């Protein structure tokens, strides 16, 4: 008997829950039923007693109240500053996020197009603007057959980049309609937050894998690049070269001060090693002054090249370049 009662209670509770999108948007209270007339009251029977006359000051007006617009109770969405040192805004049409140019290698139209493809949403890129194909909004609180087209734009200036998301078109049951400002904010902010969140998680996972992976030894040698500079050619992909160099630069006297992975650049500080350290490598100590230097990795497929320059952007040359690159080559082969 207890099991039967429990089953009946469960069924009644489930039947009270609704998956109707319209009910998810509106409040289930008596305020929505404001078109019901105010009830009237019959006068009290006096029973022979003389009662004071009713004062009309506080009498409720006997009028019909017109029902107002249905109130959308869904909370508003706002663009979130999920990128470090970023700024966000909704300007009435677009949700946007502004971030440093250094992070543009992670947050750009190509990465967004890849993400959309994984979600089975087609898109086209024309210059700095990406337009999605028609697709379902993906919200359970939307009415059935509500579809949307987004327009994503990438803006780059001298010191910063930005991604903006706006609604190109919306339609319901095949009929195009103009979304309200609240709807524009809801859909553009939600979609922008989704893009940034997924791309950030993917980048963090990639960096975690790179940090945990042990890059093996690979061969390298001196070459002259297309700009006529002495460079170190490496039989390694960009990720392999970047990771391995990060662990061996200190063995040649370089300390990493800052780095930009997306551009393959590092700022270095050089402090000469002891002469004995160079002798162990079988290399004569280079006449390289103590100070700030920069390194740049360029890569094509499974081939990479390294160039080290000074503060005036002048590449190492002659015996100095030969000694530094030979020393690095020896450590990269270990």
C-alpha atoms as a PDB file:
ATOM      1  CA  UNK A   1       0.000   0.000   0.000  1.00  0.00           C
ATOM      2  CA  UNK A   2       2.819   2.396   0.885  1.00  0.00           C
ATOM      3  CA  UNK A   3       4.453   1.759  -2.486  1.00  0.00           C
ATOM      4  CA  UNK A   4       1.193   2.501  -4.287  1.00  0.00           C
ATOM      5  CA  UNK A   5       0.728   5.764  -2.391  1.00  0.00           C
ATOM      6  CA  UNK A   6       4.333   6.780  -3.100  1.00  0.00           C
ATOM      7  CA  UNK A   7       3.820   6.057  -6.789  1.00  0.00           C
ATOM      8  CA  UNK A   8       0.659   8.183  -6.909  1.00  0.00           C
ATOM      9  CA  UNK A   9       2.426  11.075  -5.178  1.00  0.00           C
ATOM     10  CA  UNK A  10       5.346  10.880  -7.632  1.00  0.00           C
ATOM     11  CA  UNK A  11       3.006  10.864 -10.650  1.00  0.00           C
ATOM     12  CA  UNK A  12       1.115  13.886  -9.317  1.00  0.00           C
ATOM     13  CA  UNK A  13       4.351  15.811  -8.770  1.00  0.00           C
ATOM     14  CA  UNK A  14       5.647  15.013 -12.249  1.00  0.00           C
ATOM     15  CA  UNK A  15       2.374  16.024 -13.823  1.00  0.00           C
ATOM     16  CA  UNK A  16       2.665  19.379 -12.060  1.00  0.00           C
ATOM     17  CA  UNK A  17       5.969  20.058 -13.841  1.00  0.00           C
ATOM     18  CA  UNK A  18       5.685  21.323 -17.391  1.00  0.00           C
ATOM     19  CA  UNK A  19       8.109  21.388 -20.316  1.00  0.00           C
ATOM     20  CA  UNK A  20       5.999  23.930 -22.168  1.00  0.00           C
ATOM     21  CA  UNK A  21       8.391  26.765 -23.204  1.00  0.00           C
ATOM     22  CA  UNK A  22       5.697  29.408 -22.759  1.00  0.00           C
ATOM     23  CA  UNK A  23       5.177  28.361 -19.133  1.00  0.00           C
ATOM     24  CA  UNK A  24       8.951  28.567 -18.578  1.00  0.00           C
ATOM     25  CA  UNK A  25       8.828  32.203 -19.699  1.00  0.00           C
ATOM     26  CA  UNK A  26       5.816  33.324 -17.647  1.00  0.00           C
ATOM     27  CA  UNK A  27       5.027  33.373 -13.938  1.00  0.00           C
ATOM     28  CA  UNK A  28       2.352  30.935 -12.761  1.00  0.00           C
ATOM     29  CA  UNK A  29       0.530  33.281 -10.389  1.00  0.00           C
ATOM     30  CA  UNK A  30      -2.751  35.179 -10.098  1.00  0.00           C
ATOM     31  CA  UNK A  31      -1.141  38.410 -11.304  1.00  0.00           C
ATOM     32  CA  UNK A  32      -1.324  37.018 -14.822  1.00  0.00           C
ATOM     33  CA  UNK A  33      -5.113  36.659 -14.409  1.00  0.00           C
ATOM     34  CA  UNK A  34      -5.728  40.377 -13.960  1.00  0.00           C
ATOM     35  CA  UNK A  35      -8.581  40.367 -16.479  1.00  0.00           C
ATOM     36  CA  UNK A  36     -10.943  38.743 -13.922  1.00  0.00           C
ATOM     37  CA  UNK A  37     -13.506  41.279 -12.665  1.00  0.00           C
ATOM     38  CA  UNK A  38     -13.482  42.442  -9.044  1.00  0.00           C
ATOM     39  CA  UNK A  39     -16.059  40.467  -7.064  1.00  0.00           C
ATOM     40  CA  UNK A  40     -19.188  42.262  -5.797  1.00  0.00           C
ATOM     41  CA  UNK A  41     -20.569  42.146  -2.239  1.00  0.00           C
ATOM     42  CA  UNK A  42     -24.225  41.873  -1.072  1.00  0.00           C
ATOM     43  CA  UNK A  43     -25.351  44.251   1.709  1.00  0.00           C
ATOM     44  CA  UNK A  44     -25.540  42.797   5.211  1.00  0.00           C
ATOM     45  CA  UNK A  45     -28.950  41.940   6.681  1.00  0.00           C
ATOM     46  CA  UNK A  46     -29.560  44.506   9.420  1.00  0.00           C
ATOM     47  CA  UNK A  47     -31.934  42.367  11.517  1.00  0.00           C
ATOM     48  CA  UNK A  48     -33.820  45.512  12.576  1.00  0.00           C
ATOM     49  CA  UNK A  49     -30.692  47.340  13.677  1.00  0.00           C
ATOM     50  CA  UNK A  50     -30.009  50.755  12.205  1.00  0.00           C
ATOM     51  CA  UNK A  51     -26.471  50.581  10.808  1.00  0.00           C
ATOM     52  CA  UNK A  52     -24.433  53.610   9.813  1.00  0.00           C
ATOM     53  CA  UNK A  53     -24.504  54.433   6.157  1.00  0.00           C
ATOM     54  CA  UNK A  54     -21.662  53.074   4.071  1.00  0.00           C
ATOM     55  CA  UNK A  55     -18.932  55.600   3.367  1.00  0.00           C
ATOM     56  CA  UNK A  56     -18.127  55.635  -0.348  1.00  0.00           C
ATOM     57  CA  UNK A  57     -14.617  56.967   0.289  1.00  0.00           C
ATOM     58  CA  UNK A  58     -13.099  53.494   0.437  1.00  0.00           C
ATOM     59  CA  UNK A  59     -15.439  51.800  -1.988  1.00  0.00           C
ATOM     60  CA  UNK A  60     -13.748  49.653  -4.639  1.00  0.00           C
ATOM     61  CA  UNK A  61     -14.515  50.813  -8.170  1.00  0.00           C
ATOM     62  CA  UNK A  62     -16.611  48.358 -10.143  1.00  0.00           C
ATOM     63  CA  UNK A  63     -14.655  48.402 -13.377  1.00  0.00           C
ATOM     64  CA  UNK A  64     -13.228  45.856 -15.769  1.00  0.00           C
ATOM     65  CA  UNK A  65      -9.437  45.672 -15.651  1.00  0.00           C
ATOM     66  CA  UNK A  66      -7.747  45.001 -18.952  1.00  0.00           C
ATOM     67  CA  UNK A  67      -5.057  42.313 -18.933  1.00  0.00           C
ATOM     68  CA  UNK A  68      -1.580  43.708 -19.637  1.00  0.00           C
ATOM     69  CA  UNK A  69       1.251  42.242 -21.657  1.00  0.00           C
ATOM     70  CA  UNK A  70       2.666  38.877 -20.645  1.00  0.00           C
ATOM     71  CA  UNK A  71       5.763  39.462 -18.514  1.00  0.00           C
ATOM     72  CA  UNK A  72       8.878  37.487 -19.488  1.00  0.00           C
ATOM     73  CA  UNK A  73      10.326  36.328 -16.169  1.00  0.00           C
ATOM     74  CA  UNK A  74      13.535  34.863 -17.634  1.00  0.00           C
ATOM     75  CA  UNK A  75      16.540  36.578 -16.027  1.00  0.00           C
ATOM     76  CA  UNK A  76      18.596  38.887 -18.277  1.00  0.00           C
ATOM     77  CA  UNK A  77      21.945  37.724 -19.682  1.00  0.00           C
ATOM     78  CA  UNK A  78      25.052  39.900 -19.720  1.00  0.00           C
ATOM     79  CA  UNK A  79      28.420  39.414 -21.426  1.00  0.00           C
ATOM     80  CA  UNK A  80      30.957  38.170 -18.883  1.00  0.00           C
ATOM     81  CA  UNK A  81      34.637  39.177 -18.711  1.00  0.00           C
ATOM     82  CA  UNK A  82      35.887  35.579 -18.838  1.00  0.00           C
ATOM     83  CA  UNK A  83      39.221  36.573 -20.413  1.00  0.00           C
ATOM     84  CA  UNK A  84      41.862  37.959 -18.080  1.00  0.00           C
ATOM     85  CA  UNK A  85      42.019  41.796 -18.128  1.00  0.00           C
ATOM     86  CA  UNK A  86      39.081  42.001 -20.559  1.00  0.00           C
ATOM     87  CA  UNK A  87      36.134  44.398 -20.802  1.00  0.00           C
ATOM     88  CA  UNK A  88      32.566  43.533 -21.827  1.00  0.00           C
ATOM     89  CA  UNK A  89      29.471  45.461 -22.850  1.00  0.00           C
ATOM     90  CA  UNK A  90      26.049  45.192 -24.483  1.00  0.00           C
ATOM     91  CA  UNK A  91      25.434  48.323 -26.564  1.00  0.00           C
ATOM     92  CA  UNK A  92      21.793  47.691 -27.439  1.00  0.00           C
ATOM     93  CA  UNK A  93      22.587  45.610 -30.523  1.00  0.00           C
ATOM     94  CA  UNK A  94      25.785  43.680 -29.846  1.00  0.00           C
ATOM     95  CA  UNK A  95      27.434  41.831 -27.007  1.00  0.00           C
ATOM     96  CA  UNK A  96      31.167  42.444 -27.134  1.00  0.00           C
ATOM     97  CA  UNK A  97      34.377  41.607 -25.308  1.00  0.00           C
ATOM     98  CA  UNK A  98      37.672  43.512 -25.586  1.00  0.00           C
ATOM     99  CA  UNK A  99      40.991  41.831 -24.789  1.00  0.00           C
ATOM    100  CA  UNK A 100      44.713  42.219 -25.478  1.00  0.00           C
ATOM    101  CA  UNK A 101      46.174  41.452 -28.902  1.00  0.00           C
ATOM    102  CA  UNK A 102      48.321  38.771 -27.304  1.00  0.00           C
ATOM    103  CA  UNK A 103      45.181  36.675 -26.748  1.00  0.00           C
ATOM    104  CA  UNK A 104      43.917  37.023 -30.329  1.00  0.00           C
ATOM    105  CA  UNK A 105      45.567  33.718 -31.276  1.00  0.00           C
ATOM    106  CA  UNK A 106      43.058  31.958 -28.991  1.00  0.00           C
ATOM    107  CA  UNK A 107      39.964  34.133 -29.526  1.00  0.00           C
ATOM    108  CA  UNK A 108      39.407  34.730 -33.254  1.00  0.00           C
ATOM    109  CA  UNK A 109      36.954  33.962 -36.057  1.00  0.00           C
ATOM    110  CA  UNK A 110      38.800  30.849 -37.219  1.00  0.00           C
ATOM    111  CA  UNK A 111      38.575  29.303 -33.743  1.00  0.00           C
ATOM    112  CA  UNK A 112      34.879  30.220 -33.529  1.00  0.00           C
ATOM    113  CA  UNK A 113      34.195  28.691 -36.953  1.00  0.00           C
ATOM    114  CA  UNK A 114      35.914  25.486 -35.809  1.00  0.00           C
ATOM    115  CA  UNK A 115      33.776  25.477 -32.663  1.00  0.00           C
ATOM    116  CA  UNK A 116      30.564  26.003 -34.651  1.00  0.00           C
ATOM    117  CA  UNK A 117      31.501  23.139 -36.968  1.00  0.00           C
ATOM    118  CA  UNK A 118      31.843  20.848 -33.950  1.00  0.00           C
ATOM    119  CA  UNK A 119      28.289  21.891 -32.968  1.00  0.00           C
ATOM    120  CA  UNK A 120      27.050  21.088 -36.520  1.00  0.00           C
ATOM    121  CA  UNK A 121      26.383  24.754 -37.288  1.00  0.00           C
ATOM    122  CA  UNK A 122      27.526  25.993 -40.691  1.00  0.00           C
ATOM    123  CA  UNK A 123      29.109  29.427 -41.140  1.00  0.00           C
ATOM    124  CA  UNK A 124      30.925  31.618 -43.654  1.00  0.00           C
ATOM    125  CA  UNK A 125      33.689  34.181 -43.119  1.00  0.00           C
ATOM    126  CA  UNK A 126      33.836  37.322 -45.232  1.00  0.00           C
ATOM    127  CA  UNK A 127      36.809  39.438 -44.199  1.00  0.00           C
ATOM    128  CA  UNK A 128      36.459  40.111 -40.480  1.00  0.00           C
ATOM    129  CA  UNK A 129      32.797  39.025 -40.253  1.00  0.00           C
ATOM    130  CA  UNK A 130      31.466  35.506 -39.664  1.00  0.00           C
ATOM    131  CA  UNK A 131      27.814  34.724 -40.403  1.00  0.00           C
ATOM    132  CA  UNK A 132      26.191  31.529 -39.143  1.00  0.00           C
ATOM    133  CA  UNK A 133      23.613  29.489 -41.019  1.00  0.00           C
ATOM    134  CA  UNK A 134      20.064  29.262 -39.677  1.00  0.00           C
ATOM    135  CA  UNK A 135      19.972  27.016 -36.609  1.00  0.00           C
ATOM    136  CA  UNK A 136      17.823  26.337 -33.563  1.00  0.00           C
ATOM    137  CA  UNK A 137      18.498  28.661 -30.621  1.00  0.00           C
ATOM    138  CA  UNK A 138      19.162  25.669 -28.401  1.00  0.00           C
ATOM    139  CA  UNK A 139      17.195  27.128 -25.447  1.00  0.00           C
ATOM    140  CA  UNK A 140      14.589  24.919 -23.760  1.00  0.00           C
ATOM    141  CA  UNK A 141      12.635  28.029 -22.753  1.00  0.00           C
ATOM    142  CA  UNK A 142      12.086  29.097 -26.390  1.00  0.00           C
ATOM    143  CA  UNK A 143       8.973  28.461 -28.379  1.00  0.00           C
ATOM    144  CA  UNK A 144       9.155  25.582 -30.846  1.00  0.00           C
ATOM    145  CA  UNK A 145      10.720  26.268 -34.276  1.00  0.00           C
ATOM    146  CA  UNK A 146      12.540  29.428 -33.156  1.00  0.00           C
ATOM    147  CA  UNK A 147      15.657  29.836 -35.319  1.00  0.00           C
ATOM    148  CA  UNK A 148      18.445  32.390 -35.414  1.00  0.00           C
ATOM    149  CA  UNK A 149      21.355  33.671 -37.495  1.00  0.00           C
ATOM    150  CA  UNK A 150      24.296  35.272 -35.697  1.00  0.00           C
ATOM    151  CA  UNK A 151      26.871  37.707 -37.021  1.00  0.00           C
ATOM    152  CA  UNK A 152      30.262  37.633 -35.288  1.00  0.00           C
ATOM    153  CA  UNK A 153      32.850  40.313 -36.027  1.00  0.00           C
ATOM    154  CA  UNK A 154      36.513  40.480 -35.043  1.00  0.00           C
ATOM    155  CA  UNK A 155      37.970  43.970 -34.576  1.00  0.00           C
ATOM    156  CA  UNK A 156      41.693  44.631 -34.185  1.00  0.00           C
ATOM    157  CA  UNK A 157      43.349  47.904 -33.263  1.00  0.00           C
ATOM    158  CA  UNK A 158      46.858  48.750 -32.183  1.00  0.00           C
ATOM    159  CA  UNK A 159      46.788  47.421 -28.623  1.00  0.00           C
ATOM    160  CA  UNK A 160      43.577  45.413 -28.392  1.00  0.00           C
ATOM    161  CA  UNK A 161      41.199  43.050 -30.147  1.00  0.00           C
ATOM    162  CA  UNK A 162      37.475  42.552 -29.767  1.00  0.00           C
ATOM    163  CA  UNK A 163      34.785  40.035 -30.658  1.00  0.00           C
ATOM    164  CA  UNK A 164      31.202  41.202 -31.153  1.00  0.00           C
ATOM    165  CA  UNK A 165      28.090  39.037 -31.468  1.00  0.00           C
ATOM    166  CA  UNK A 166      24.857  40.393 -32.955  1.00  0.00           C
ATOM    167  CA  UNK A 167      21.638  38.912 -34.315  1.00  0.00           C
ATOM    168  CA  UNK A 168      21.384  39.037 -38.084  1.00  0.00           C
ATOM    169  CA  UNK A 169      17.885  37.516 -38.294  1.00  0.00           C
ATOM    170  CA  UNK A 170      15.377  35.516 -36.239  1.00  0.00           C
ATOM    171  CA  UNK A 171      12.348  33.547 -37.369  1.00  0.00           C
ATOM    172  CA  UNK A 172       9.620  31.421 -35.834  1.00  0.00           C
ATOM    173  CA  UNK A 173       7.737  28.840 -37.866  1.00  0.00           C
ATOM    174  CA  UNK A 174       9.505  30.247 -40.921  1.00  0.00           C
ATOM    175  CA  UNK A 175       8.280  33.817 -40.288  1.00  0.00           C
ATOM    176  CA  UNK A 176      11.022  36.412 -39.712  1.00  0.00           C
ATOM    177  CA  UNK A 177      10.453  38.773 -36.778  1.00  0.00           C
ATOM    178  CA  UNK A 178      12.368  41.597 -35.111  1.00  0.00           C
ATOM    179  CA  UNK A 179      13.623  40.655 -31.631  1.00  0.00           C
ATOM    180  CA  UNK A 180      13.220  43.119 -28.771  1.00  0.00           C
ATOM    181  CA  UNK A 181      16.215  44.742 -27.075  1.00  0.00           C
ATOM    182  CA  UNK A 182      15.847  42.318 -24.158  1.00  0.00           C
ATOM    183  CA  UNK A 183      15.888  39.374 -26.567  1.00  0.00           C
ATOM    184  CA  UNK A 184      18.942  40.767 -28.377  1.00  0.00           C
ATOM    185  CA  UNK A 185      20.779  41.052 -25.069  1.00  0.00           C
ATOM    186  CA  UNK A 186      19.715  37.552 -23.996  1.00  0.00           C
ATOM    187  CA  UNK A 187      20.761  35.749 -27.186  1.00  0.00           C
ATOM    188  CA  UNK A 188      23.951  37.676 -28.018  1.00  0.00           C
ATOM    189  CA  UNK A 189      25.310  37.622 -24.454  1.00  0.00           C
ATOM    190  CA  UNK A 190      24.583  33.926 -23.998  1.00  0.00           C
ATOM    191  CA  UNK A 191      26.233  33.021 -27.305  1.00  0.00           C
ATOM    192  CA  UNK A 192      29.310  35.216 -26.648  1.00  0.00           C
ATOM    193  CA  UNK A 193      29.766  33.746 -23.156  1.00  0.00           C
ATOM    194  CA  UNK A 194      29.518  30.257 -24.641  1.00  0.00           C
ATOM    195  CA  UNK A 195      32.198  30.977 -27.265  1.00  0.00           C
ATOM    196  CA  UNK A 196      34.663  32.438 -24.776  1.00  0.00           C
ATOM    197  CA  UNK A 197      34.063  29.752 -22.155  1.00  0.00           C
ATOM    198  CA  UNK A 198      34.601  26.826 -24.537  1.00  0.00           C
ATOM    199  CA  UNK A 199      37.667  28.379 -26.219  1.00  0.00           C
ATOM    200  CA  UNK A 200      39.220  29.179 -22.830  1.00  0.00           C
ATOM    201  CA  UNK A 201      38.683  25.634 -21.567  1.00  0.00           C
ATOM    202  CA  UNK A 202      40.152  24.179 -24.769  1.00  0.00           C
ATOM    203  CA  UNK A 203      43.224  26.428 -24.536  1.00  0.00           C
ATOM    204  CA  UNK A 204      43.796  25.608 -20.855  1.00  0.00           C
ATOM    205  CA  UNK A 205      43.519  21.897 -21.602  1.00  0.00           C
ATOM    206  CA  UNK A 206      46.017  22.234 -24.456  1.00  0.00           C
ATOM    207  CA  UNK A 207      48.483  24.075 -22.224  1.00  0.00           C
ATOM    208  CA  UNK A 208      48.043  21.450 -19.526  1.00  0.00           C
ATOM    209  CA  UNK A 209      48.842  18.695 -22.007  1.00  0.00           C
ATOM    210  CA  UNK A 210      51.893  20.591 -23.254  1.00  0.00           C
ATOM    211  CA  UNK A 211      53.192  21.075 -19.724  1.00  0.00           C
ATOM    212  CA  UNK A 212      52.687  17.428 -18.851  1.00  0.00           C
ATOM    213  CA  UNK A 213      54.156  16.096 -22.078  1.00  0.00           C
ATOM    214  CA  UNK A 214      57.876  15.404 -22.155  1.00  0.00           C
ATOM    215  CA  UNK A 215      59.318  16.578 -25.465  1.00  0.00           C
ATOM    216  CA  UNK A 216      61.995  14.221 -26.709  1.00  0.00           C
ATOM    217  CA  UNK A 217      65.301  15.086 -28.324  1.00  0.00           C
ATOM    218  CA  UNK A 218      65.402  16.368 -31.903  1.00  0.00           C
ATOM    219  CA  UNK A 219      68.051  17.464 -34.376  1.00  0.00           C
ATOM    220  CA  UNK A 220      68.872  21.057 -35.258  1.00  0.00           C
ATOM    221  CA  UNK A 221      71.462  22.980 -37.249  1.00  0.00           C
ATOM    222  CA  UNK A 222      72.553  26.412 -38.485  1.00  0.00           C
ATOM    223  CA  UNK A 223      70.852  27.918 -41.522  1.00  0.00           C
ATOM    224  CA  UNK A 224      70.348  31.323 -43.152  1.00  0.00           C
ATOM    225  CA  UNK A 225      66.681  32.338 -43.209  1.00  0.00           C
ATOM    226  CA  UNK A 226      64.842  34.180 -45.982  1.00  0.00           C
ATOM    227  CA  UNK A 227      65.839  37.524 -44.425  1.00  0.00           C
ATOM    228  CA  UNK A 228      69.520  36.631 -44.586  1.00  0.00           C
ATOM    229  CA  UNK A 229      69.862  36.106 -40.823  1.00  0.00           C
ATOM    230  CA  UNK A 230      71.677  33.263 -39.118  1.00  0.00           C
ATOM    231  CA  UNK A 231      69.054  30.969 -37.557  1.00  0.00           C
ATOM    232  CA  UNK A 232      68.733  27.603 -35.863  1.00  0.00           C
ATOM    233  CA  UNK A 233      66.684  25.127 -37.905  1.00  0.00           C
ATOM    234  CA  UNK A 234      64.896  22.477 -35.818  1.00  0.00           C
ATOM    235  CA  UNK A 235      63.329  19.157 -36.810  1.00  0.00           C
ATOM    236  CA  UNK A 236      60.296  19.825 -34.596  1.00  0.00           C
ATOM    237  CA  UNK A 237      56.817  21.321 -34.656  1.00  0.00           C
ATOM    238  CA  UNK A 238      56.179  24.725 -33.129  1.00  0.00           C
ATOM    239  CA  UNK A 239      54.797  23.248 -29.887  1.00  0.00           C
ATOM    240  CA  UNK A 240      57.740  20.876 -29.521  1.00  0.00           C
ATOM    241  CA  UNK A 241      60.310  23.600 -30.225  1.00  0.00           C
ATOM    242  CA  UNK A 242      58.602  26.090 -27.916  1.00  0.00           C
ATOM    243  CA  UNK A 243      58.411  23.627 -25.031  1.00  0.00           C
ATOM    244  CA  UNK A 244      61.932  22.237 -25.407  1.00  0.00           C
ATOM    245  CA  UNK A 245      63.587  25.654 -25.773  1.00  0.00           C
ATOM    246  CA  UNK A 246      61.787  26.830 -22.640  1.00  0.00           C
ATOM    247  CA  UNK A 247      63.644  24.193 -20.654  1.00  0.00           C
ATOM    248  CA  UNK A 248      67.139  24.582 -22.195  1.00  0.00           C
ATOM    249  CA  UNK A 249      67.555  28.343 -22.644  1.00  0.00           C
ATOM    250  CA  UNK A 250      68.705  28.707 -19.028  1.00  0.00           C
ATOM    251  CA  UNK A 251      71.521  26.204 -19.691  1.00  0.00           C
ATOM    252  CA  UNK A 252      72.999  28.666 -22.188  1.00  0.00           C
ATOM    253  CA  UNK A 253      72.602  31.725 -19.930  1.00  0.00           C
ATOM    254  CA  UNK A 254      69.158  33.034 -20.949  1.00  0.00           C
ATOM    255  CA  UNK A 255      66.353  33.712 -18.465  1.00  0.00           C
ATOM    256  CA  UNK A 256      62.799  34.116 -19.747  1.00  0.00           C
ATOM    257  CA  UNK A 257      61.342  37.495 -18.702  1.00  0.00           C
ATOM    258  CA  UNK A 258      58.057  37.342 -20.644  1.00  0.00           C
ATOM    259  CA  UNK A 259      56.525  35.390 -23.496  1.00  0.00           C
ATOM    260  CA  UNK A 260      53.705  35.476 -26.058  1.00  0.00           C
ATOM    261  CA  UNK A 261      52.904  31.946 -27.179  1.00  0.00           C
ATOM    262  CA  UNK A 262      50.553  33.040 -29.974  1.00  0.00           C
ATOM    263  CA  UNK A 263      53.372  34.959 -31.673  1.00  0.00           C
ATOM    264  CA  UNK A 264      56.179  32.590 -30.765  1.00  0.00           C
ATOM    265  CA  UNK A 265      58.088  35.341 -28.977  1.00  0.00           C
ATOM    266  CA  UNK A 266      60.023  35.469 -25.718  1.00  0.00           C
ATOM    267  CA  UNK A 267      61.869  38.300 -24.011  1.00  0.00           C
ATOM    268  CA  UNK A 268      65.166  37.046 -22.573  1.00  0.00           C
ATOM    269  CA  UNK A 269      67.785  38.275 -20.145  1.00  0.00           C
ATOM    270  CA  UNK A 270      71.322  37.074 -20.808  1.00  0.00           C
ATOM    271  CA  UNK A 271      73.907  36.539 -18.068  1.00  0.00           C
ATOM    272  CA  UNK A 272      77.222  34.977 -19.209  1.00  0.00           C
ATOM    273  CA  UNK A 273      77.988  31.464 -17.988  1.00  0.00           C
ATOM    274  CA  UNK A 274      81.291  30.451 -16.449  1.00  0.00           C
ATOM    275  CA  UNK A 275      83.989  29.544 -18.935  1.00  0.00           C
ATOM    276  CA  UNK A 276      83.981  25.967 -17.601  1.00  0.00           C
ATOM    277  CA  UNK A 277      80.336  25.562 -18.631  1.00  0.00           C
ATOM    278  CA  UNK A 278      81.211  26.370 -22.222  1.00  0.00           C
ATOM    279  CA  UNK A 279      84.232  24.071 -22.164  1.00  0.00           C
ATOM    280  CA  UNK A 280      81.993  21.170 -21.116  1.00  0.00           C
ATOM    281  CA  UNK A 281      80.032  21.753 -24.325  1.00  0.00           C
ATOM    282  CA  UNK A 282      83.238  21.930 -26.337  1.00  0.00           C
ATOM    283  CA  UNK A 283      82.427  25.504 -27.417  1.00  0.00           C
ATOM    284  CA  UNK A 284      84.432  28.677 -26.956  1.00  0.00           C
ATOM    285  CA  UNK A 285      82.701  31.254 -24.760  1.00  0.00           C
ATOM    286  CA  UNK A 286      80.869  33.763 -27.022  1.00  0.00           C
ATOM    287  CA  UNK A 287      81.494  37.484 -26.652  1.00  0.00           C
ATOM    288  CA  UNK A 288      77.841  38.282 -25.942  1.00  0.00           C
ATOM    289  CA  UNK A 289      77.096  41.239 -23.707  1.00  0.00           C
ATOM    290  CA  UNK A 290      74.886  40.917 -20.658  1.00  0.00           C
ATOM    291  CA  UNK A 291      71.433  42.395 -21.300  1.00  0.00           C
ATOM    292  CA  UNK A 292      68.015  41.951 -22.881  1.00  0.00           C
ATOM    293  CA  UNK A 293      67.430  39.856 -25.996  1.00  0.00           C
ATOM    294  CA  UNK A 294      64.458  38.480 -27.895  1.00  0.00           C
ATOM    295  CA  UNK A 295      63.766  35.139 -29.564  1.00  0.00           C
ATOM    296  CA  UNK A 296      61.315  34.350 -32.350  1.00  0.00           C
ATOM    297  CA  UNK A 297      60.151  30.916 -33.482  1.00  0.00           C
ATOM    298  CA  UNK A 298      58.623  30.481 -36.925  1.00  0.00           C
ATOM    299  CA  UNK A 299      57.268  27.131 -38.073  1.00  0.00           C
ATOM    300  CA  UNK A 300      55.920  25.380 -41.149  1.00  0.00           C
ATOM    301  CA  UNK A 301      54.512  21.926 -40.473  1.00  0.00           C
ATOM    302  CA  UNK A 302      57.116  19.811 -38.683  1.00  0.00           C
ATOM    303  CA  UNK A 303      59.952  22.289 -39.263  1.00  0.00           C
ATOM    304  CA  UNK A 304      60.793  25.248 -37.016  1.00  0.00           C
ATOM    305  CA  UNK A 305      63.419  27.980 -36.980  1.00  0.00           C
ATOM    306  CA  UNK A 306      64.768  30.114 -34.136  1.00  0.00           C
ATOM    307  CA  UNK A 307      66.226  33.625 -34.414  1.00  0.00           C
ATOM    308  CA  UNK A 308      67.632  35.571 -31.439  1.00  0.00           C
ATOM    309  CA  UNK A 309      67.907  39.363 -31.701  1.00  0.00           C
ATOM    310  CA  UNK A 310      69.133  42.174 -29.480  1.00  0.00           C
ATOM    311  CA  UNK A 311      67.139  45.179 -28.236  1.00  0.00           C
ATOM    312  CA  UNK A 312      67.662  46.933 -31.593  1.00  0.00           C
ATOM    313  CA  UNK A 313      66.146  43.939 -33.426  1.00  0.00           C
ATOM    314  CA  UNK A 314      69.547  43.003 -34.827  1.00  0.00           C
ATOM    315  CA  UNK A 315      70.015  39.233 -35.148  1.00  0.00           C
ATOM    316  CA  UNK A 316      73.003  37.462 -33.644  1.00  0.00           C
ATOM    317  CA  UNK A 317      75.685  36.899 -36.262  1.00  0.00           C
ATOM    318  CA  UNK A 318      79.197  35.592 -36.807  1.00  0.00           C
ATOM    319  CA  UNK A 319      80.958  33.590 -34.112  1.00  0.00           C
ATOM    320  CA  UNK A 320      78.488  34.719 -31.421  1.00  0.00           C
ATOM    321  CA  UNK A 321      75.489  33.282 -33.295  1.00  0.00           C
ATOM    322  CA  UNK A 322      77.430  30.104 -34.098  1.00  0.00           C
ATOM    323  CA  UNK A 323      78.387  29.523 -30.451  1.00  0.00           C
ATOM    324  CA  UNK A 324      74.904  30.236 -29.009  1.00  0.00           C
ATOM    325  CA  UNK A 325      73.056  28.129 -31.572  1.00  0.00           C
ATOM    326  CA  UNK A 326      75.558  25.248 -31.327  1.00  0.00           C
ATOM    327  CA  UNK A 327      75.130  25.214 -27.555  1.00  0.00           C
ATOM    328  CA  UNK A 328      71.339  25.175 -27.898  1.00  0.00           C
ATOM    329  CA  UNK A 329      71.570  22.465 -30.531  1.00  0.00           C
ATOM    330  CA  UNK A 330      73.583  20.301 -28.168  1.00  0.00           C
ATOM    331  CA  UNK A 331      70.983  20.596 -25.422  1.00  0.00           C
ATOM    332  CA  UNK A 332      68.054  20.047 -27.829  1.00  0.00           C
ATOM    333  CA  UNK A 333      69.613  16.751 -28.893  1.00  0.00           C
ATOM    334  CA  UNK A 334      69.612  15.459 -25.281  1.00  0.00           C
END
